PDB file of N, CA and C in Angstrom:
ATOM      1  N   MET A   1      23.808 -40.666-106.588  1.00  0.00           N
ATOM      2  CA  MET A   1      23.792 -40.523-108.024  1.00  0.00           C
ATOM      3  C   MET A   1      24.917 -39.564-108.394  1.00  0.00           C
ATOM      4  N   ASP A   2      25.846 -40.024-109.203  1.00  0.00           N
ATOM      5  CA  ASP A   2      26.991 -39.216-109.616  1.00  0.00           C
ATOM      6  C   ASP A   2      26.715 -38.633-110.998  1.00  0.00           C
ATOM      7  N   GLN A   3      26.274 -37.382-111.037  1.00  0.00           N
ATOM      8  CA  GLN A   3      25.923 -36.753-112.310  1.00  0.00           C
ATOM      9  C   GLN A   3      27.148 -36.608-113.209  1.00  0.00           C
ATOM     10  N   ASN A   4      28.317 -36.399-112.651  1.00  0.00           N
ATOM     11  CA  ASN A   4      29.533 -36.311-113.466  1.00  0.00           C
ATOM     12  C   ASN A   4      29.789 -37.624-114.190  1.00  0.00           C
ATOM     13  N   GLU A   5      29.544 -38.735-113.522  1.00  0.00           N
ATOM     14  CA  GLU A   5      29.708 -40.050-114.153  1.00  0.00           C
ATOM     15  C   GLU A   5      28.677 -40.253-115.258  1.00  0.00           C
ATOM     16  N   LEU A   6      27.435 -39.855-115.002  1.00  0.00           N
ATOM     17  CA  LEU A   6      26.383 -39.974-116.014  1.00  0.00           C
ATOM     18  C   LEU A   6      26.656 -39.090-117.228  1.00  0.00           C
ATOM     19  N   ALA A   7      27.342 -37.976-117.019  1.00  0.00           N
ATOM     20  CA  ALA A   7      27.578 -37.006-118.092  1.00  0.00           C
ATOM     21  C   ALA A   7      28.776 -37.342-118.975  1.00  0.00           C
ATOM     22  N   LYS A   8      29.563 -38.342-118.607  1.00  0.00           N
ATOM     23  CA  LYS A   8      30.744 -38.678-119.405  1.00  0.00           C
ATOM     24  C   LYS A   8      30.347 -38.976-120.848  1.00  0.00           C
ATOM     25  N   GLY A   9      31.012 -38.285-121.770  1.00  0.00           N
ATOM     26  CA  GLY A   9      30.755 -38.486-123.191  1.00  0.00           C
ATOM     27  C   GLY A   9      29.533 -37.756-123.714  1.00  0.00           C
ATOM     28  N   GLN A  10      28.856 -37.008-122.867  1.00  0.00           N
ATOM     29  CA  GLN A  10      27.649 -36.270-123.259  1.00  0.00           C
ATOM     30  C   GLN A  10      27.951 -34.776-123.293  1.00  0.00           C
ATOM     31  N   THR A  11      27.285 -34.060-124.178  1.00  0.00           N
ATOM     32  CA  THR A  11      27.430 -32.600-124.193  1.00  0.00           C
ATOM     33  C   THR A  11      26.465 -31.944-123.208  1.00  0.00           C
ATOM     34  N   THR A  12      25.359 -32.624-122.905  1.00  0.00           N
ATOM     35  CA  THR A  12      24.359 -32.136-121.966  1.00  0.00           C
ATOM     36  C   THR A  12      23.939 -33.278-121.060  1.00  0.00           C
ATOM     37  N   CYS A  13      23.723 -32.964-119.786  1.00  0.00           N
ATOM     38  CA  CYS A  13      23.238 -33.978-118.845  1.00  0.00           C
ATOM     39  C   CYS A  13      22.467 -33.268-117.733  1.00  0.00           C
ATOM     40  N   VAL A  14      21.139 -33.387-117.771  1.00  0.00           N
ATOM     41  CA  VAL A  14      20.280 -32.737-116.791  1.00  0.00           C
ATOM     42  C   VAL A  14      19.508 -33.818-116.044  1.00  0.00           C
ATOM     43  N   LEU A  15      19.655 -33.863-114.728  1.00  0.00           N
ATOM     44  CA  LEU A  15      18.838 -34.762-113.919  1.00  0.00           C
ATOM     45  C   LEU A  15      17.512 -34.091-113.635  1.00  0.00           C
ATOM     46  N   GLY A  16      16.421 -34.805-113.880  1.00  0.00           N
ATOM     47  CA  GLY A  16      15.104 -34.233-113.655  1.00  0.00           C
ATOM     48  C   GLY A  16      14.587 -34.490-112.248  1.00  0.00           C
ATOM     49  N   ILE A  17      14.465 -35.764-111.884  1.00  0.00           N
ATOM     50  CA  ILE A  17      13.908 -36.115-110.578  1.00  0.00           C
ATOM     51  C   ILE A  17      14.513 -37.439-110.126  1.00  0.00           C
ATOM     52  N   LEU A  18      14.666 -37.583-108.837  1.00  0.00           N
ATOM     53  CA  LEU A  18      15.133 -38.823-108.218  1.00  0.00           C
ATOM     54  C   LEU A  18      14.043 -39.295-107.267  1.00  0.00           C
ATOM     55  N   LYS A  19      13.613 -40.568-107.396  1.00  0.00           N
ATOM     56  CA  LYS A  19      12.564 -41.099-106.523  1.00  0.00           C
ATOM     57  C   LYS A  19      12.957 -42.482-106.023  1.00  0.00           C
ATOM     58  N   LEU A  20      13.020 -42.633-104.708  1.00  0.00           N
ATOM     59  CA  LEU A  20      13.244 -43.938-104.093  1.00  0.00           C
ATOM     60  C   LEU A  20      11.943 -44.723-104.051  1.00  0.00           C
ATOM     61  N   SER A  21      12.041 -46.033-104.301  1.00  0.00           N
ATOM     62  CA  SER A  21      10.872 -46.894-104.142  1.00  0.00           C
ATOM     63  C   SER A  21      10.529 -46.967-102.655  1.00  0.00           C
ATOM     64  N   PRO A  22       9.293 -47.351-102.309  1.00  0.00           N
ATOM     65  CA  PRO A  22       8.922 -47.425-100.894  1.00  0.00           C
ATOM     66  C   PRO A  22       9.842 -48.332-100.073  1.00  0.00           C
ATOM     67  N   SER A  23      10.372 -49.398-100.676  1.00  0.00           N
ATOM     68  CA  SER A  23      11.292 -50.292 -99.961  1.00  0.00           C
ATOM     69  C   SER A  23      12.706 -49.732 -99.894  1.00  0.00           C
ATOM     70  N   GLN A  24      12.960 -48.661-100.643  1.00  0.00           N
ATOM     71  CA  GLN A  24      14.263 -48.014-100.773  1.00  0.00           C
ATOM     72  C   GLN A  24      15.306 -48.917-101.425  1.00  0.00           C
ATOM     73  N   GLN A  25      14.833 -49.927-102.164  1.00  0.00           N
ATOM     74  CA  GLN A  25      15.735 -50.807-102.913  1.00  0.00           C
ATOM     75  C   GLN A  25      16.033 -50.251-104.299  1.00  0.00           C
ATOM     76  N   TYR A  26      15.086 -49.518-104.878  1.00  0.00           N
ATOM     77  CA  TYR A  26      15.236 -49.011-106.236  1.00  0.00           C
ATOM     78  C   TYR A  26      15.214 -47.495-106.259  1.00  0.00           C
ATOM     79  N   LEU A  27      16.001 -46.947-107.169  1.00  0.00           N
ATOM     80  CA  LEU A  27      16.002 -45.510-107.416  1.00  0.00           C
ATOM     81  C   LEU A  27      15.600 -45.293-108.866  1.00  0.00           C
ATOM     82  N   ALA A  28      14.492 -44.600-109.065  1.00  0.00           N
ATOM     83  CA  ALA A  28      14.071 -44.206-110.408  1.00  0.00           C
ATOM     84  C   ALA A  28      14.508 -42.759-110.605  1.00  0.00           C
ATOM     85  N   TYR A  29      15.045 -42.469-111.766  1.00  0.00           N
ATOM     86  CA  TYR A  29      15.482 -41.106-112.032  1.00  0.00           C
ATOM     87  C   TYR A  29      15.236 -40.763-113.489  1.00  0.00           C
ATOM     88  N   SER A  30      15.021 -39.482-113.737  1.00  0.00           N
ATOM     89  CA  SER A  30      14.851 -39.018-115.111  1.00  0.00           C
ATOM     90  C   SER A  30      16.074 -38.184-115.478  1.00  0.00           C
ATOM     91  N   ILE A  31      16.516 -38.379-116.719  1.00  0.00           N
ATOM     92  CA  ILE A  31      17.725 -37.722-117.185  1.00  0.00           C
ATOM     93  C   ILE A  31      17.522 -37.244-118.620  1.00  0.00           C
ATOM     94  N   ASP A  32      18.062 -36.075-118.918  1.00  0.00           N
ATOM     95  CA  ASP A  32      17.931 -35.474-120.249  1.00  0.00           C
ATOM     96  C   ASP A  32      19.326 -35.264-120.827  1.00  0.00           C
ATOM     97  N   TYR A  33      19.619 -35.964-121.924  1.00  0.00           N
ATOM     98  CA  TYR A  33      20.903 -35.811-122.602  1.00  0.00           C
ATOM     99  C   TYR A  33      20.812 -34.884-123.819  1.00  0.00           C
ATOM    100  N   ILE A  34      19.618 -34.360-124.101  1.00  0.00           N
ATOM    101  CA  ILE A  34      19.418 -33.508-125.276  1.00  0.00           C
ATOM    102  C   ILE A  34      19.383 -32.031-124.899  1.00  0.00           C
ATOM    103  N   GLY A  35      18.829 -31.725-123.721  1.00  0.00           N
ATOM    104  CA  GLY A  35      18.716 -30.336-123.284  1.00  0.00           C
ATOM    105  C   GLY A  35      17.408 -29.699-123.703  1.00  0.00           C
ATOM    106  N   ARG A  36      16.416 -30.527-124.065  1.00  0.00           N
ATOM    107  CA  ARG A  36      15.120 -30.003-124.489  1.00  0.00           C
ATOM    108  C   ARG A  36      13.995 -30.463-123.568  1.00  0.00           C
ATOM    109  N   GLU A  37      14.354 -30.833-122.339  1.00  0.00           N
ATOM    110  CA  GLU A  37      13.383 -31.318-121.362  1.00  0.00           C
ATOM    111  C   GLU A  37      12.624 -32.534-121.866  1.00  0.00           C
ATOM    112  N   LYS A  38      13.312 -33.375-122.632  1.00  0.00           N
ATOM    113  CA  LYS A  38      12.797 -34.685-123.033  1.00  0.00           C
ATOM    114  C   LYS A  38      13.629 -35.701-122.253  1.00  0.00           C
ATOM    115  N   PHE A  39      13.068 -36.147-121.168  1.00  0.00           N
ATOM    116  CA  PHE A  39      13.792 -37.008-120.250  1.00  0.00           C
ATOM    117  C   PHE A  39      13.599 -38.481-120.589  1.00  0.00           C
ATOM    118  N   GLN A  40      14.521 -39.296-120.124  1.00  0.00           N
ATOM    119  CA  GLN A  40      14.329 -40.738-120.128  1.00  0.00           C
ATOM    120  C   GLN A  40      14.414 -41.192-118.677  1.00  0.00           C
ATOM    121  N   VAL A  41      13.568 -42.150-118.327  1.00  0.00           N
ATOM    122  CA  VAL A  41      13.544 -42.683-116.972  1.00  0.00           C
ATOM    123  C   VAL A  41      14.368 -43.959-116.941  1.00  0.00           C
ATOM    124  N   GLN A  42      15.203 -44.063-115.925  1.00  0.00           N
ATOM    125  CA  GLN A  42      16.009 -45.250-115.703  1.00  0.00           C
ATOM    126  C   GLN A  42      15.808 -45.673-114.254  1.00  0.00           C
ATOM    127  N   VAL A  43      16.043 -46.960-113.981  1.00  0.00           N
ATOM    128  CA  VAL A  43      15.885 -47.476-112.618  1.00  0.00           C
ATOM    129  C   VAL A  43      17.161 -48.205-112.233  1.00  0.00           C
ATOM    130  N   LYS A  44      17.623 -47.908-111.028  1.00  0.00           N
ATOM    131  CA  LYS A  44      18.835 -48.529-110.497  1.00  0.00           C
ATOM    132  C   LYS A  44      18.478 -49.340-109.259  1.00  0.00           C
ATOM    133  N   ASP A  45      18.992 -50.568-109.186  1.00  0.00           N
ATOM    134  CA  ASP A  45      18.855 -51.401-107.997  1.00  0.00           C
ATOM    135  C   ASP A  45      19.961 -50.990-107.032  1.00  0.00           C
ATOM    136  N   LEU A  46      19.606 -50.415-105.917  1.00  0.00           N
ATOM    137  CA  LEU A  46      20.593 -49.885-104.985  1.00  0.00           C
ATOM    138  C   LEU A  46      21.316 -50.966-104.188  1.00  0.00           C
ATOM    139  N   THR A  47      20.787 -52.184-104.158  1.00  0.00           N
ATOM    140  CA  THR A  47      21.472 -53.269-103.452  1.00  0.00           C
ATOM    141  C   THR A  47      22.595 -53.864-104.299  1.00  0.00           C
ATOM    142  N   THR A  48      22.442 -53.859-105.636  1.00  0.00           N
ATOM    143  CA  THR A  48      23.457 -54.432-106.524  1.00  0.00           C
ATOM    144  C   THR A  48      24.225 -53.373-107.309  1.00  0.00           C
ATOM    145  N   GLY A  49      23.670 -52.164-107.419  1.00  0.00           N
ATOM    146  CA  GLY A  49      24.280 -51.119-108.232  1.00  0.00           C
ATOM    147  C   GLY A  49      23.936 -51.227-109.703  1.00  0.00           C
ATOM    148  N   GLN A  50      23.155 -52.242-110.083  1.00  0.00           N
ATOM    149  CA  GLN A  50      22.787 -52.458-111.481  1.00  0.00           C
ATOM    150  C   GLN A  50      21.746 -51.443-111.938  1.00  0.00           C
ATOM    151  N   VAL A  51      21.979 -50.839-113.119  1.00  0.00           N
ATOM    152  CA  VAL A  51      20.977 -50.004-113.768  1.00  0.00           C
ATOM    153  C   VAL A  51      20.260 -50.893-114.778  1.00  0.00           C
ATOM    154  N   PHE A  52      18.943 -50.985-114.664  1.00  0.00           N
ATOM    155  CA  PHE A  52      18.179 -51.839-115.561  1.00  0.00           C
ATOM    156  C   PHE A  52      18.285 -51.350-116.999  1.00  0.00           C
ATOM    157  N   GLU A  53      18.258 -52.269-117.944  1.00  0.00           N
ATOM    158  CA  GLU A  53      18.379 -51.926-119.364  1.00  0.00           C
ATOM    159  C   GLU A  53      17.151 -51.196-119.885  1.00  0.00           C
ATOM    160  N   ASP A  54      15.984 -51.428-119.282  1.00  0.00           N
ATOM    161  CA  ASP A  54      14.759 -50.752-119.723  1.00  0.00           C
ATOM    162  C   ASP A  54      14.901 -49.245-119.569  1.00  0.00           C
ATOM    163  N   ARG A  55      14.528 -48.522-120.597  1.00  0.00           N
ATOM    164  CA  ARG A  55      14.515 -47.059-120.566  1.00  0.00           C
ATOM    165  C   ARG A  55      13.133 -46.601-121.011  1.00  0.00           C
ATOM    166  N   ILE A  56      12.609 -45.606-120.364  1.00  0.00           N
ATOM    167  CA  ILE A  56      11.332 -45.023-120.768  1.00  0.00           C
ATOM    168  C   ILE A  56      11.660 -43.679-121.387  1.00  0.00           C
ATOM    169  N   GLU A  57      11.439 -43.544-122.678  1.00  0.00           N
ATOM    170  CA  GLU A  57      11.837 -42.355-123.437  1.00  0.00           C
ATOM    171  C   GLU A  57      10.734 -41.297-123.477  1.00  0.00           C
ATOM    172  N   ASN A  58      11.144 -40.065-123.776  1.00  0.00           N
ATOM    173  CA  ASN A  58      10.243 -38.924-123.999  1.00  0.00           C
ATOM    174  C   ASN A  58       9.301 -38.674-122.839  1.00  0.00           C
ATOM    175  N   THR A  59       9.854 -38.635-121.640  1.00  0.00           N
ATOM    176  CA  THR A  59       9.024 -38.376-120.468  1.00  0.00           C
ATOM    177  C   THR A  59       9.227 -36.958-119.966  1.00  0.00           C
ATOM    178  N   GLU A  60       8.288 -36.541-119.153  1.00  0.00           N
ATOM    179  CA  GLU A  60       8.432 -35.315-118.391  1.00  0.00           C
ATOM    180  C   GLU A  60       9.280 -35.684-117.178  1.00  0.00           C
ATOM    181  N   SER A  61       9.700 -34.744-116.399  1.00  0.00           N
ATOM    182  CA  SER A  61      10.589 -35.064-115.271  1.00  0.00           C
ATOM    183  C   SER A  61       9.858 -35.616-114.057  1.00  0.00           C
ATOM    184  N   SER A  62       8.532 -35.740-114.097  1.00  0.00           N
ATOM    185  CA  SER A  62       7.808 -36.240-112.930  1.00  0.00           C
ATOM    186  C   SER A  62       7.609 -37.750-112.994  1.00  0.00           C
ATOM    187  N   LEU A  63       7.660 -38.409-111.834  1.00  0.00           N
ATOM    188  CA  LEU A  63       7.340 -39.828-111.730  1.00  0.00           C
ATOM    189  C   LEU A  63       7.089 -40.167-110.282  1.00  0.00           C
ATOM    190  N   GLU A  64       6.407 -41.301-110.065  1.00  0.00           N
ATOM    191  CA  GLU A  64       6.068 -41.711-108.705  1.00  0.00           C
ATOM    192  C   GLU A  64       5.977 -43.234-108.646  1.00  0.00           C
ATOM    193  N   TRP A  65       6.392 -43.801-107.524  1.00  0.00           N
ATOM    194  CA  TRP A  65       6.303 -45.239-107.290  1.00  0.00           C
ATOM    195  C   TRP A  65       4.957 -45.597-106.681  1.00  0.00           C
ATOM    196  N   ASN A  66       4.471 -46.789-107.011  1.00  0.00           N
ATOM    197  CA  ASN A  66       3.343 -47.384-106.318  1.00  0.00           C
ATOM    198  C   ASN A  66       3.901 -48.111-105.087  1.00  0.00           C
ATOM    199  N   ASN A  67       3.048 -48.458-104.134  1.00  0.00           N
ATOM    200  CA  ASN A  67       3.504 -49.142-102.915  1.00  0.00           C
ATOM    201  C   ASN A  67       3.992 -50.559-103.159  1.00  0.00           C
ATOM    202  N   ASP A  68       3.767 -51.131-104.359  1.00  0.00           N
ATOM    203  CA  ASP A  68       4.218 -52.494-104.642  1.00  0.00           C
ATOM    204  C   ASP A  68       5.697 -52.572-105.021  1.00  0.00           C
ATOM    205  N   ASN A  69       6.372 -51.433-105.120  1.00  0.00           N
ATOM    206  CA  ASN A  69       7.799 -51.350-105.470  1.00  0.00           C
ATOM    207  C   ASN A  69       8.111 -51.848-106.880  1.00  0.00           C
ATOM    208  N   LYS A  70       7.090 -52.045-107.706  1.00  0.00           N
ATOM    209  CA  LYS A  70       7.282 -52.534-109.069  1.00  0.00           C
ATOM    210  C   LYS A  70       6.643 -51.629-110.114  1.00  0.00           C
ATOM    211  N   THR A  71       5.773 -50.750-109.692  1.00  0.00           N
ATOM    212  CA  THR A  71       4.999 -49.938-110.629  1.00  0.00           C
ATOM    213  C   THR A  71       5.422 -48.477-110.529  1.00  0.00           C
ATOM    214  N   LEU A  72       5.692 -47.888-111.703  1.00  0.00           N
ATOM    215  CA  LEU A  72       6.032 -46.465-111.802  1.00  0.00           C
ATOM    216  C   LEU A  72       4.923 -45.738-112.551  1.00  0.00           C
ATOM    217  N   TYR A  73       4.585 -44.572-112.072  1.00  0.00           N
ATOM    218  CA  TYR A  73       3.649 -43.694-112.767  1.00  0.00           C
ATOM    219  C   TYR A  73       4.471 -42.535-113.323  1.00  0.00           C
ATOM    220  N   TYR A  74       4.256 -42.215-114.581  1.00  0.00           N
ATOM    221  CA  TYR A  74       5.021 -41.135-115.193  1.00  0.00           C
ATOM    222  C   TYR A  74       4.219 -40.510-116.322  1.00  0.00           C
ATOM    223  N   THR A  75       4.700 -39.410-116.822  1.00  0.00           N
ATOM    224  CA  THR A  75       4.057 -38.697-117.920  1.00  0.00           C
ATOM    225  C   THR A  75       4.992 -38.712-119.111  1.00  0.00           C
ATOM    226  N   THR A  76       4.456 -39.028-120.280  1.00  0.00           N
ATOM    227  CA  THR A  76       5.259 -39.073-121.490  1.00  0.00           C
ATOM    228  C   THR A  76       4.647 -38.175-122.563  1.00  0.00           C
ATOM    229  N   MET A  77       5.424 -37.877-123.591  1.00  0.00           N
ATOM    230  CA  MET A  77       4.951 -37.041-124.682  1.00  0.00           C
ATOM    231  C   MET A  77       4.592 -37.891-125.893  1.00  0.00           C
ATOM    232  N   ASP A  78       3.520 -37.528-126.575  1.00  0.00           N
ATOM    233  CA  ASP A  78       3.182 -38.200-127.825  1.00  0.00           C
ATOM    234  C   ASP A  78       3.918 -37.518-128.981  1.00  0.00           C
ATOM    235  N   HIS A  79       3.607 -37.904-130.214  1.00  0.00           N
ATOM    236  CA  HIS A  79       4.309 -37.360-131.387  1.00  0.00           C
ATOM    237  C   HIS A  79       4.140 -35.846-131.539  1.00  0.00           C
ATOM    238  N   ALA A  80       3.064 -35.290-130.998  1.00  0.00           N
ATOM    239  CA  ALA A  80       2.821 -33.839-131.066  1.00  0.00           C
ATOM    240  C   ALA A  80       3.352 -33.125-129.823  1.00  0.00           C
ATOM    241  N   GLU A  81       4.113 -33.852-128.990  1.00  0.00           N
ATOM    242  CA  GLU A  81       4.693 -33.341-127.754  1.00  0.00           C
ATOM    243  C   GLU A  81       3.637 -32.884-126.747  1.00  0.00           C
ATOM    244  N   ARG A  82       2.523 -33.631-126.717  1.00  0.00           N
ATOM    245  CA  ARG A  82       1.513 -33.452-125.678  1.00  0.00           C
ATOM    246  C   ARG A  82       1.767 -34.517-124.622  1.00  0.00           C
ATOM    247  N   TYR A  83       1.467 -34.212-123.375  1.00  0.00           N
ATOM    248  CA  TYR A  83       1.732 -35.152-122.297  1.00  0.00           C
ATOM    249  C   TYR A  83       0.574 -36.125-122.111  1.00  0.00           C
ATOM    250  N   ALA A  84       0.928 -37.380-121.799  1.00  0.00           N
ATOM    251  CA  ALA A  84      -0.046 -38.428-121.506  1.00  0.00           C
ATOM    252  C   ALA A  84       0.444 -39.184-120.278  1.00  0.00           C
ATOM    253  N   TYR A  85      -0.478 -39.589-119.416  1.00  0.00           N
ATOM    254  CA  TYR A  85      -0.176 -40.276-118.167  1.00  0.00           C
ATOM    255  C   TYR A  85      -0.040 -41.776-118.446  1.00  0.00           C
ATOM    256  N   ILE A  86       1.039 -42.398-117.999  1.00  0.00           N
ATOM    257  CA  ILE A  86       1.344 -43.796-118.297  1.00  0.00           C
ATOM    258  C   ILE A  86       1.707 -44.526-117.010  1.00  0.00           C
ATOM    259  N   ILE A  87       1.490 -45.847-116.993  1.00  0.00           N
ATOM    260  CA  ILE A  87       1.882 -46.706-115.884  1.00  0.00           C
ATOM    261  C   ILE A  87       2.829 -47.761-116.419  1.00  0.00           C
ATOM    262  N   PHE A  88       3.932 -48.018-115.734  1.00  0.00           N
ATOM    263  CA  PHE A  88       4.917 -49.022-116.159  1.00  0.00           C
ATOM    264  C   PHE A  88       5.184 -49.964-115.008  1.00  0.00           C
ATOM    265  N   ASN A  89       5.145 -51.265-115.264  1.00  0.00           N
ATOM    266  CA  ASN A  89       5.439 -52.281-114.236  1.00  0.00           C
ATOM    267  C   ASN A  89       6.771 -52.918-114.501  1.00  0.00           C
ATOM    268  N   TYR A  90       7.590 -53.058-113.448  1.00  0.00           N
ATOM    269  CA  TYR A  90       8.867 -53.766-113.543  1.00  0.00           C
ATOM    270  C   TYR A  90       8.671 -55.199-113.157  1.00  0.00           C
TER     271      TYR A  90
END
């Protein structure tokens, strides 16, 4: 993961967490471009280099893969900035 490349054109770029899927084909990572610990989760296919268009907004920096290599567990903030546990399937 090249943080300098991710930071191009941004005033702030903080990587929160990097997690490989169990198959090691996908890399899920959280990134904050605001500087307020409001991360977005992105997933990259390491075999093709493609970053999926899906973004999960307003997350905390924690996340975890399920053993199926398609399901991510993460925490997101509601409108009052309280955390809620969410599951996302690719």
